[in-house]
Amino acid sequence: MTKHDLIIIGGGPAGYLAADRAAHGGLSVLLFEKRALGGVCLNEGCMPTKTLLNSAKLYDGVLNGKAFGVTAASVNIDHGAVIDRKNKVVKLLVAGVGAKMKAAKVTVVKETAVITGKSADGFTVQAGGETYEATRLLIAAGSEAAVPPIPGLSEAMQNGFVMTNREILDRKTLPQNLVVIGGGVIGLEMAAYFAMIGVKVVVIEMLDKIANGTDAEIAAMLLADLQKRSVDFRLGCRVTKINRDSVEYEKSGETISVPADAVLLSIGRRPSVEGLGIESIGIHTEKNAVITDDHLRTNIPNVYAAGDVNGKIMLAHTAYREAEVAVHHMLGRRDWMRYDAIPSVIYTLPEVACVGESEESATEKGIAFIVKKLSMRYSGRFVAETDRADGLCKLLFETGTNRMIGAHLIGSYASETIYGAAMMIESRWPIEDLREIVFPHPTVSEIIRETLFV
């Protein structure tokens, strides 16, 4: 029986970062990954979608370049070539993670791992017919696409008519009519990509708004922008049936059918806990997620869970930080997880980025606050690089303390700017101190400084 200080189940962002940190901290680490290092993020989520979206944005920029003095006799996009490039990017990044594990002397086993019980020295795990033992466990098994019980859905997924983000990112042929079920981040990014390259896209969302959890004003602006790009939204609608060439949904008691050549199912994700064997050692779960504290500990001593599997905030950068906190606790370092300054981004055109409380969440929590907001047109660089576009920077401050508690942006470079707002929230500095920070000029990020003085 092979023994290690730490066994990690799952080689996604939480798993591979924890493996690296733990190995550099002096622990002998064994990492199990049943598919490919990098997990969903690297292979079928964050990085592949950004690769596709970058190609679409380049294409869109040339198509609409006349206002900037850029014209071309013929502009085309080769979706198959875009997918090929995506595959090259993914291969390179996955290889990079593998090299990182090798350099850290982490043992990687590409097998499905199952926790089988406790032992005198810790815990036992079986994989590929072998038994392994470790003093500590870190569960980082990630998440999987949620699949609701819609009539016809199972059959449609089997024959390829309905895809999740995993399958659609490998499809080289373009549908004429794509129906996206779900108006969350994944659905919106894929809808934006396909619409920008000429596919007719219909998004069906059960709620009466898109990007649930995003500031309502920002979400409404994104909706308007995507509608201008010919994305057809059907809000407040419940999908009732999947046919061979259409999707049926119900709106105000009426059943409506939408034709489709392909369907993307993107109603959310659920923690991957089934088949892990967590019941063999009595790990507690709630709503299918492993319960953890602010050190990422489960109810079982020396067993931790980080990333999507704990269901807290299903984002890769959250998983990175959770992995660090978990390993720090294992090594006896003082650290704890905080979730009030975790940025979130939607990489559409325009981009949306937010961190902290929204007006809606702050009101729900009973937090007294004031709002400062300003059009992105107050940024000189934004004006220079867009054609009559608009955007918004909205900042929330707690009444009394004058500390920033939320920031919401829609516009170019929002994804690259939001970390600064996250630092402002994390620092807990009052607005008077934040106003002393010097921003480089000209940058779009200056919009934060301008909004501080509203």
Protein backbone atom coordinates (compact mmCIF):
# COMPACT_ATOMS: atom_id res chain seq x y z
CA MET A 1 0.00 0.00 0.00
CA THR A 2 1.40 3.37 -1.10
CA LYS A 3 1.40 6.01 1.67
CA HIS A 4 1.45 9.81 1.31
CA ASP A 5 0.99 12.85 3.52
CA LEU A 6 -1.83 14.13 1.31
CA ILE A 7 -4.13 12.60 -1.29
CA ILE A 8 -6.00 15.01 -3.54
CA ILE A 9 -8.99 13.85 -5.58
CA GLY A 10 -9.41 16.07 -8.63
CA GLY A 11 -6.83 17.84 -10.80
CA GLY A 12 -8.71 21.06 -11.53
CA PRO A 13 -7.75 24.53 -10.24
CA ALA A 14 -8.25 23.62 -6.56
CA GLY A 15 -6.54 20.25 -6.90
CA TYR A 16 -3.45 21.13 -8.88
CA LEU A 17 -2.77 24.38 -7.02
CA ALA A 18 -3.16 22.63 -3.66
CA ALA A 19 -0.81 19.88 -4.85
CA ASP A 20 1.83 22.43 -5.82
CA ARG A 21 1.53 24.43 -2.58
CA ALA A 22 1.51 21.32 -0.39
CA ALA A 23 4.51 19.79 -2.15
CA HIS A 24 6.49 23.00 -1.75
CA GLY A 25 5.45 22.97 1.90
CA GLY A 26 7.19 19.63 2.39
CA LEU A 27 4.28 17.19 2.07
CA SER A 28 4.38 14.10 -0.13
CA VAL A 29 1.39 14.52 -2.45
CA LEU A 30 -0.63 12.09 -4.58
CA LEU A 31 -3.06 13.65 -7.06
CA PHE A 32 -5.86 11.74 -8.80
CA GLU A 33 -7.49 13.07 -11.98
CA LYS A 34 -9.85 10.87 -14.01
CA ARG A 35 -9.88 12.99 -17.19
CA ALA A 36 -7.22 15.64 -17.78
CA LEU A 37 -5.22 17.94 -15.55
CA GLY A 38 -6.75 21.38 -15.37
CA GLY A 39 -10.28 20.11 -14.80
CA VAL A 40 -13.33 21.77 -16.32
CA CYS A 41 -11.75 25.23 -16.26
CA LEU A 42 -8.81 24.40 -18.47
CA ASN A 43 -10.41 21.77 -20.69
CA GLU A 44 -14.04 22.70 -21.20
CA GLY A 45 -14.76 25.96 -19.41
CA CYS A 46 -12.77 29.11 -18.66
CA MET A 47 -9.93 28.85 -21.15
CA PRO A 48 -11.69 27.27 -24.16
CA THR A 49 -14.56 29.76 -24.04
CA LYS A 50 -12.19 32.72 -23.81
CA THR A 51 -10.27 31.41 -26.81
CA LEU A 52 -13.47 31.26 -28.87
CA LEU A 53 -14.66 34.65 -27.67
CA ASN A 54 -11.34 36.28 -28.56
CA SER A 55 -11.68 35.05 -32.14
CA ALA A 56 -15.27 36.34 -32.32
CA LYS A 57 -14.26 39.74 -30.93
CA LEU A 58 -11.47 40.05 -33.51
CA TYR A 59 -13.95 39.16 -36.25
CA ASP A 60 -16.52 41.60 -34.92
CA GLY A 61 -13.88 44.33 -34.70
CA VAL A 62 -12.95 44.02 -38.36
CA LEU A 63 -16.57 43.76 -39.48
CA ASN A 64 -17.36 46.98 -37.67
CA GLY A 65 -14.03 48.68 -38.20
CA LYS A 66 -15.15 51.38 -40.66
CA ALA A 67 -15.69 53.91 -37.86
CA PHE A 68 -12.05 53.41 -36.85
CA GLY A 69 -10.68 53.69 -40.39
CA VAL A 70 -10.31 49.93 -40.79
CA THR A 71 -11.84 48.27 -43.85
CA ALA A 72 -11.37 44.91 -45.53
CA ALA A 73 -12.56 43.60 -48.86
CA SER A 74 -13.61 40.25 -47.40
CA VAL A 75 -13.90 39.11 -43.80
CA ASN A 76 -14.70 35.52 -42.83
CA ILE A 77 -14.46 33.37 -39.74
CA ASP A 78 -13.59 29.68 -39.88
CA HIS A 79 -15.25 28.07 -36.88
CA GLY A 80 -13.38 24.81 -37.43
CA ALA A 81 -10.07 26.67 -37.34
CA VAL A 82 -11.20 28.46 -34.16
CA ILE A 83 -11.86 25.08 -32.54
CA ASP A 84 -8.47 23.79 -33.71
CA ARG A 85 -6.75 26.79 -32.13
CA LYS A 86 -8.75 26.25 -28.95
CA ASN A 87 -7.49 22.68 -28.80
CA LYS A 88 -3.89 23.85 -29.20
CA VAL A 89 -4.31 26.39 -26.40
CA VAL A 90 -5.84 23.77 -24.10
CA LYS A 91 -3.11 21.24 -24.90
CA LEU A 92 -0.42 23.81 -24.12
CA LEU A 93 -1.99 24.85 -20.82
CA VAL A 94 -2.65 21.26 -19.69
CA ALA A 95 0.96 20.39 -20.48
CA GLY A 96 2.00 23.36 -18.37
CA VAL A 97 0.08 22.02 -15.39
CA GLY A 98 1.66 18.61 -15.90
CA ALA A 99 5.12 20.16 -15.94
CA LYS A 100 4.29 22.08 -12.77
CA MET A 101 3.29 18.84 -11.01
CA LYS A 102 6.45 17.11 -12.18
CA ALA A 103 8.64 19.98 -10.99
CA ALA A 104 6.96 19.89 -7.57
CA LYS A 105 7.43 16.09 -7.41
CA VAL A 106 3.68 15.49 -7.14
CA THR A 107 2.65 11.95 -8.06
CA VAL A 108 -0.19 12.12 -10.59
CA VAL A 109 -2.44 9.12 -11.22
CA LYS A 110 -4.95 9.34 -14.08
CA GLU A 111 -7.63 7.13 -12.57
CA THR A 112 -11.02 7.48 -10.91
CA ALA A 113 -10.43 7.55 -7.16
CA VAL A 114 -12.85 6.32 -4.51
CA ILE A 115 -12.52 6.88 -0.77
CA THR A 116 -12.89 3.48 0.91
CA GLY A 117 -12.51 4.23 4.60
CA LYS A 118 -10.30 5.15 7.50
CA SER A 119 -7.06 3.45 8.50
CA ALA A 120 -4.72 3.56 11.47
CA ASP A 121 -2.64 6.26 9.75
CA GLY A 122 -5.42 8.20 8.03
CA PHE A 123 -7.59 7.30 5.04
CA THR A 124 -7.63 4.76 2.23
CA VAL A 125 -8.41 5.40 -1.41
CA GLN A 126 -8.78 2.91 -4.25
CA ALA A 127 -8.02 3.65 -7.90
CA GLY A 128 -7.20 1.41 -10.85
CA GLY A 129 -7.23 -1.71 -8.69
CA GLU A 130 -4.66 -0.26 -6.28
CA THR A 131 -5.07 0.94 -2.69
CA TYR A 132 -3.46 4.14 -1.46
CA GLU A 133 -3.21 5.67 2.00
CA ALA A 134 -2.69 9.20 3.27
CA THR A 135 -2.75 11.14 6.52
CA ARG A 136 -4.91 13.85 4.93
CA LEU A 137 -7.46 14.10 2.14
CA LEU A 138 -8.43 17.06 -0.04
CA ILE A 139 -11.57 16.58 -2.10
CA ALA A 140 -11.44 18.77 -5.21
CA ALA A 141 -13.69 16.79 -7.54
CA GLY A 142 -15.24 19.87 -9.17
CA SER A 143 -18.70 20.08 -10.67
CA GLU A 144 -20.78 18.85 -13.59
CA ALA A 145 -23.53 20.32 -15.73
CA ALA A 146 -26.94 20.21 -14.05
CA VAL A 147 -29.43 18.15 -16.06
CA PRO A 148 -33.12 18.77 -15.23
CA PRO A 149 -35.88 16.17 -15.81
CA ILE A 150 -37.23 17.71 -19.05
CA PRO A 151 -39.15 15.29 -21.31
CA GLY A 152 -37.01 14.31 -24.29
CA LEU A 153 -33.80 15.76 -22.82
CA SER A 154 -32.05 12.49 -22.05
CA GLU A 155 -32.62 11.12 -25.56
CA ALA A 156 -31.55 14.42 -27.13
CA MET A 157 -28.31 14.42 -25.15
CA GLN A 158 -27.58 10.88 -26.23
CA ASN A 159 -28.00 11.65 -29.93
CA GLY A 160 -26.06 14.92 -29.70
CA PHE A 161 -28.92 17.32 -30.43
CA VAL A 162 -28.55 18.77 -26.92
CA MET A 163 -25.03 19.56 -25.72
CA THR A 164 -23.44 20.82 -22.54
CA ASN A 165 -20.44 23.17 -22.60
CA ARG A 166 -18.20 20.10 -22.92
CA GLU A 167 -19.63 18.94 -26.24
CA ILE A 168 -20.34 22.30 -27.85
CA LEU A 169 -16.72 23.39 -27.43
CA ASP A 170 -15.64 20.51 -29.69
CA ARG A 171 -18.28 20.93 -32.39
CA LYS A 172 -16.66 22.10 -35.64
CA THR A 173 -19.80 22.67 -37.68
CA LEU A 174 -22.01 25.70 -37.09
CA PRO A 175 -25.75 25.33 -36.52
CA GLN A 176 -28.05 27.75 -38.27
CA ASN A 177 -30.34 27.98 -35.25
CA LEU A 178 -28.97 27.52 -31.74
CA VAL A 179 -31.22 27.43 -28.70
CA VAL A 180 -29.51 28.11 -25.39
CA ILE A 181 -31.35 26.90 -22.29
CA GLY A 182 -30.23 29.15 -19.44
CA GLY A 183 -29.25 32.81 -19.29
CA GLY A 184 -26.39 32.49 -16.83
CA VAL A 185 -22.70 33.12 -17.44
CA ILE A 186 -22.02 30.04 -19.60
CA GLY A 187 -25.16 30.50 -21.65
CA LEU A 188 -24.49 34.19 -22.23
CA GLU A 189 -20.87 33.73 -23.25
CA MET A 190 -21.75 30.98 -25.72
CA ALA A 191 -24.73 32.95 -27.02
CA ALA A 192 -22.47 35.96 -27.57
CA TYR A 193 -19.87 33.90 -29.44
CA PHE A 194 -22.29 32.20 -31.80
CA ALA A 195 -24.33 35.34 -32.42
CA MET A 196 -21.20 37.35 -33.26
CA ILE A 197 -20.19 34.83 -35.93
CA GLY A 198 -23.61 34.75 -37.58
CA VAL A 199 -25.63 32.01 -35.90
CA LYS A 200 -29.26 32.73 -35.04
CA VAL A 201 -29.39 32.38 -31.25
CA VAL A 202 -32.40 32.12 -28.94
CA VAL A 203 -31.82 32.12 -25.16
CA ILE A 204 -34.59 30.69 -22.98
CA GLU A 205 -34.38 31.71 -19.32
CA MET A 206 -36.80 30.81 -16.54
CA LEU A 207 -36.21 34.05 -14.62
CA ASP A 208 -37.30 37.47 -15.83
CA LYS A 209 -33.67 38.65 -16.05
CA ILE A 210 -30.36 37.33 -17.31
CA ALA A 211 -27.15 36.80 -15.34
CA ASN A 212 -28.91 36.04 -12.07
CA GLY A 213 -26.94 37.44 -9.13
CA THR A 214 -25.55 40.30 -11.22
CA ASP A 215 -26.56 43.86 -10.35
CA ALA A 216 -29.98 44.40 -11.95
CA GLU A 217 -29.03 47.63 -13.71
CA ILE A 218 -25.87 46.12 -15.16
CA ALA A 219 -27.74 42.96 -16.23
CA ALA A 220 -30.34 45.08 -18.03
CA MET A 221 -27.61 46.93 -19.91
CA LEU A 222 -25.99 43.65 -20.94
CA LEU A 223 -29.35 42.36 -22.13
CA ALA A 224 -29.82 45.43 -24.32
CA ASP A 225 -26.32 45.10 -25.79
CA LEU A 226 -26.74 41.42 -26.62
CA GLN A 227 -30.14 42.09 -28.17
CA LYS A 228 -28.44 44.63 -30.47
CA ARG A 229 -26.19 41.75 -31.53
CA SER A 230 -29.30 39.76 -32.52
CA VAL A 231 -29.49 37.45 -29.52
CA ASP A 232 -33.19 36.66 -29.04
CA PHE A 233 -34.11 36.37 -25.36
CA ARG A 234 -37.20 34.59 -24.08
CA LEU A 235 -37.37 35.52 -20.38
CA GLY A 236 -39.73 34.19 -17.75
CA CYS A 237 -40.09 30.99 -19.76
CA ARG A 238 -39.96 27.36 -18.63
CA VAL A 239 -38.71 24.69 -21.03
CA THR A 240 -41.24 21.85 -21.08
CA LYS A 241 -40.06 19.49 -23.83
CA ILE A 242 -37.19 18.74 -26.22
CA ASN A 243 -38.25 17.49 -29.65
CA ARG A 244 -36.07 16.20 -32.50
CA ASP A 245 -35.77 19.62 -34.12
CA SER A 246 -37.24 22.10 -31.64
CA VAL A 247 -37.57 23.19 -28.02
CA GLU A 248 -40.91 23.82 -26.37
CA TYR A 249 -41.38 26.29 -23.56
CA GLU A 250 -44.25 27.71 -21.56
CA LYS A 251 -44.92 31.42 -21.11
CA SER A 252 -47.98 32.71 -19.24
CA GLY A 253 -49.80 29.42 -19.80
CA GLU A 254 -49.06 29.33 -23.54
CA THR A 255 -46.83 26.66 -25.08
CA ILE A 256 -44.43 27.94 -27.76
CA SER A 257 -42.05 25.97 -29.99
CA VAL A 258 -38.66 27.25 -31.19
CA PRO A 259 -36.90 25.51 -34.11
CA ALA A 260 -33.30 24.45 -33.49
CA ASP A 261 -30.44 22.67 -35.22
CA ALA A 262 -28.62 22.39 -31.91
CA VAL A 263 -29.31 23.08 -28.25
CA LEU A 264 -26.93 24.14 -25.48
CA LEU A 265 -28.00 23.15 -21.97
CA SER A 266 -26.50 25.64 -19.50
CA ILE A 267 -28.80 25.97 -16.50
CA GLY A 268 -25.98 25.74 -13.99
CA ARG A 269 -23.63 23.25 -12.40
CA ARG A 270 -23.80 20.88 -9.46
CA PRO A 271 -20.98 19.59 -7.21
CA SER A 272 -19.55 16.24 -8.27
CA VAL A 273 -19.86 14.11 -5.14
CA GLU A 274 -21.47 10.95 -6.46
CA GLY A 275 -19.15 7.96 -6.60
CA LEU A 276 -16.45 9.57 -4.46
CA GLY A 277 -17.12 7.29 -1.50
CA ILE A 278 -17.50 10.17 0.95
CA GLU A 279 -20.15 8.22 2.81
CA SER A 280 -17.53 5.63 3.76
CA ILE A 281 -15.98 8.09 6.22
CA GLY A 282 -19.12 10.06 7.08
CA ILE A 283 -18.50 13.39 5.32
CA HIS A 284 -21.47 15.72 5.67
CA THR A 285 -23.12 17.29 2.62
CA GLU A 286 -25.91 19.77 2.06
CA LYS A 287 -27.74 20.17 -1.26
CA ASN A 288 -25.21 17.83 -2.85
CA ALA A 289 -22.23 19.96 -1.74
CA VAL A 290 -19.54 19.04 0.79
CA ILE A 291 -19.90 21.27 3.86
CA THR A 292 -16.72 23.17 4.78
CA ASP A 293 -15.70 25.83 7.31
CA ASP A 294 -13.52 28.89 6.72
CA HIS A 295 -10.40 26.69 6.76
CA LEU A 296 -12.00 24.39 4.13
CA ARG A 297 -12.26 21.59 6.70
CA THR A 298 -15.08 19.08 6.50
CA ASN A 299 -16.66 17.53 9.58
CA ILE A 300 -14.00 14.81 9.49
CA PRO A 301 -10.59 15.82 10.92
CA ASN A 302 -7.83 16.03 8.29
CA VAL A 303 -10.33 15.95 5.42
CA TYR A 304 -10.75 19.13 3.38
CA ALA A 305 -12.80 20.14 0.34
CA ALA A 306 -12.03 22.99 -2.06
CA GLY A 307 -13.41 24.27 -5.35
CA ASP A 308 -16.80 23.63 -6.91
CA VAL A 309 -17.37 20.49 -4.84
CA ASN A 310 -18.20 22.60 -1.77
CA GLY A 311 -20.75 24.60 -3.75
CA LYS A 312 -19.87 28.01 -2.31
CA ILE A 313 -18.74 30.14 -5.29
CA MET A 314 -18.11 28.03 -8.38
CA LEU A 315 -15.28 30.02 -9.94
CA ALA A 316 -11.72 28.93 -10.68
CA HIS A 317 -10.13 31.80 -8.78
CA THR A 318 -12.25 30.95 -5.74
CA ALA A 319 -10.93 27.40 -5.99
CA TYR A 320 -7.34 28.67 -6.14
CA ARG A 321 -7.74 30.68 -2.96
CA GLU A 322 -9.61 27.89 -1.16
CA ALA A 323 -6.80 25.50 -2.07
CA GLU A 324 -4.23 27.86 -0.56
CA VAL A 325 -6.24 28.26 2.64
CA ALA A 326 -6.70 24.50 3.00
CA VAL A 327 -3.00 23.79 2.53
CA HIS A 328 -2.01 26.62 4.86
CA HIS A 329 -4.17 25.05 7.57
CA MET A 330 -2.56 21.66 6.96
CA LEU A 331 0.87 23.26 7.36
CA GLY A 332 -0.12 25.15 10.51
CA ARG A 333 -0.16 28.60 8.95
CA ARG A 334 -2.75 31.14 10.11
CA ASP A 335 -5.19 31.79 7.26
CA TRP A 336 -8.93 31.67 6.58
CA MET A 337 -11.28 31.96 3.61
CA ARG A 338 -13.25 35.14 2.99
CA TYR A 339 -15.93 35.32 0.31
CA ASP A 340 -16.94 39.00 0.39
CA ALA A 341 -14.42 40.15 -2.24
CA ILE A 342 -14.54 37.41 -4.89
CA PRO A 343 -14.71 38.97 -8.38
CA SER A 344 -16.97 37.57 -11.09
CA VAL A 345 -16.75 38.23 -14.84
CA ILE A 346 -18.92 37.63 -17.90
CA TYR A 347 -16.63 37.74 -20.95
CA THR A 348 -19.21 38.91 -23.45
CA LEU A 349 -18.93 42.02 -25.62
CA PRO A 350 -19.16 44.25 -23.63
CA GLU A 351 -17.63 42.59 -20.59
CA VAL A 352 -19.34 42.59 -17.23
CA ALA A 353 -17.43 42.38 -13.96
CA CYS A 354 -18.55 42.63 -10.35
CA VAL A 355 -17.34 42.06 -6.82
CA GLY A 356 -18.98 42.29 -3.41
CA GLU A 357 -22.52 43.38 -2.71
CA SER A 358 -25.05 44.54 -5.29
CA GLU A 359 -27.86 46.94 -4.47
CA GLU A 360 -30.20 43.95 -4.28
CA SER A 361 -28.00 41.79 -2.02
CA ALA A 362 -27.10 44.68 0.28
CA THR A 363 -30.76 45.61 0.68
CA GLU A 364 -31.68 41.98 1.38
CA LYS A 365 -29.00 41.82 4.09
CA GLY A 366 -30.14 45.07 5.66
CA ILE A 367 -26.89 46.90 4.92
CA ALA A 368 -27.26 50.68 4.70
CA PHE A 369 -25.36 51.96 1.67
CA ILE A 370 -24.91 54.75 -0.82
CA VAL A 371 -24.35 54.34 -4.57
CA LYS A 372 -21.90 56.23 -6.76
CA LYS A 373 -22.06 55.59 -10.49
CA LEU A 374 -20.66 57.06 -13.66
CA SER A 375 -20.86 56.41 -17.39
CA MET A 376 -17.80 54.73 -18.90
CA ARG A 377 -17.69 57.68 -21.28
CA TYR A 378 -15.89 59.58 -18.52
CA SER A 379 -12.87 57.42 -19.37
CA GLY A 380 -10.90 58.99 -22.22
CA ARG A 381 -9.46 55.66 -23.34
CA PHE A 382 -12.93 54.10 -23.40
CA VAL A 383 -14.12 56.84 -25.74
CA ALA A 384 -11.01 56.53 -27.91
CA GLU A 385 -11.43 52.77 -28.37
CA THR A 386 -15.20 52.48 -28.82
CA ASP A 387 -17.69 53.93 -31.29
CA ARG A 388 -20.57 55.65 -29.51
CA ALA A 389 -20.64 52.80 -26.96
CA ASP A 390 -21.55 53.28 -23.34
CA GLY A 391 -20.97 51.43 -20.14
CA LEU A 392 -21.29 51.94 -16.42
CA CYS A 393 -19.21 51.90 -13.26
CA LYS A 394 -21.26 51.53 -10.08
CA LEU A 395 -19.70 51.53 -6.61
CA LEU A 396 -21.45 50.80 -3.30
CA PHE A 397 -20.28 52.20 0.04
CA GLU A 398 -21.46 51.25 3.51
CA THR A 399 -23.11 54.16 5.26
CA GLY A 400 -21.17 55.26 8.34
CA THR A 401 -17.87 53.48 7.64
CA ASN A 402 -17.59 54.82 4.06
CA ARG A 403 -15.98 51.49 3.07
CA MET A 404 -16.53 50.09 -0.40
CA ILE A 405 -18.71 46.96 -0.27
CA GLY A 406 -19.46 46.42 -3.96
CA ALA A 407 -18.34 47.32 -7.47
CA HIS A 408 -20.05 46.63 -10.81
CA LEU A 409 -18.80 47.45 -14.29
CA ILE A 410 -19.97 46.92 -17.84
CA GLY A 411 -17.63 47.92 -20.64
CA SER A 412 -14.24 47.22 -22.16
CA TYR A 413 -11.47 45.94 -19.87
CA ALA A 414 -13.95 45.33 -17.04
CA SER A 415 -12.34 41.92 -16.43
CA GLU A 416 -8.90 43.49 -16.07
CA THR A 417 -10.13 46.33 -13.84
CA ILE A 418 -12.27 44.54 -11.29
CA TYR A 419 -9.36 43.16 -9.24
CA GLY A 420 -8.57 46.73 -8.16
CA ALA A 421 -12.06 47.11 -6.75
CA ALA A 422 -11.69 43.73 -5.03
CA MET A 423 -8.52 45.00 -3.34
CA MET A 424 -10.37 48.12 -2.23
CA ILE A 425 -13.08 46.00 -0.61
CA GLU A 426 -10.54 43.65 0.95
CA SER A 427 -8.46 46.53 2.32
CA ARG A 428 -11.51 47.98 4.11
CA TRP A 429 -10.18 51.49 3.51
CA PRO A 430 -12.70 54.35 3.68
CA ILE A 431 -13.43 56.31 0.52
CA GLU A 432 -11.21 59.17 1.69
CA ASP A 433 -8.16 56.88 1.54
CA LEU A 434 -9.22 55.24 -1.74
CA ARG A 435 -9.31 58.66 -3.39
CA GLU A 436 -5.57 59.00 -2.78
CA ILE A 437 -4.72 56.03 -5.02
CA VAL A 438 -3.07 57.13 -8.28
CA PHE A 439 -4.26 55.42 -11.48
CA PRO A 440 -2.24 55.42 -14.73
CA HIS A 441 -3.55 57.69 -17.48
CA PRO A 442 -5.07 57.08 -19.91
CA THR A 443 -6.67 53.80 -18.82
CA VAL A 444 -10.21 52.55 -18.66
CA SER A 445 -9.56 51.62 -15.01
CA GLU A 446 -9.51 55.35 -14.21
CA ILE A 447 -13.28 55.16 -14.26
CA ILE A 448 -13.08 53.80 -10.71
CA ARG A 449 -11.15 56.84 -9.53
CA GLU A 450 -13.59 59.17 -11.34
CA THR A 451 -16.55 57.41 -9.71
CA LEU A 452 -14.99 57.77 -6.25
CA PHE A 453 -15.35 61.53 -6.64
CA VAL A 454 -18.99 61.55 -7.77
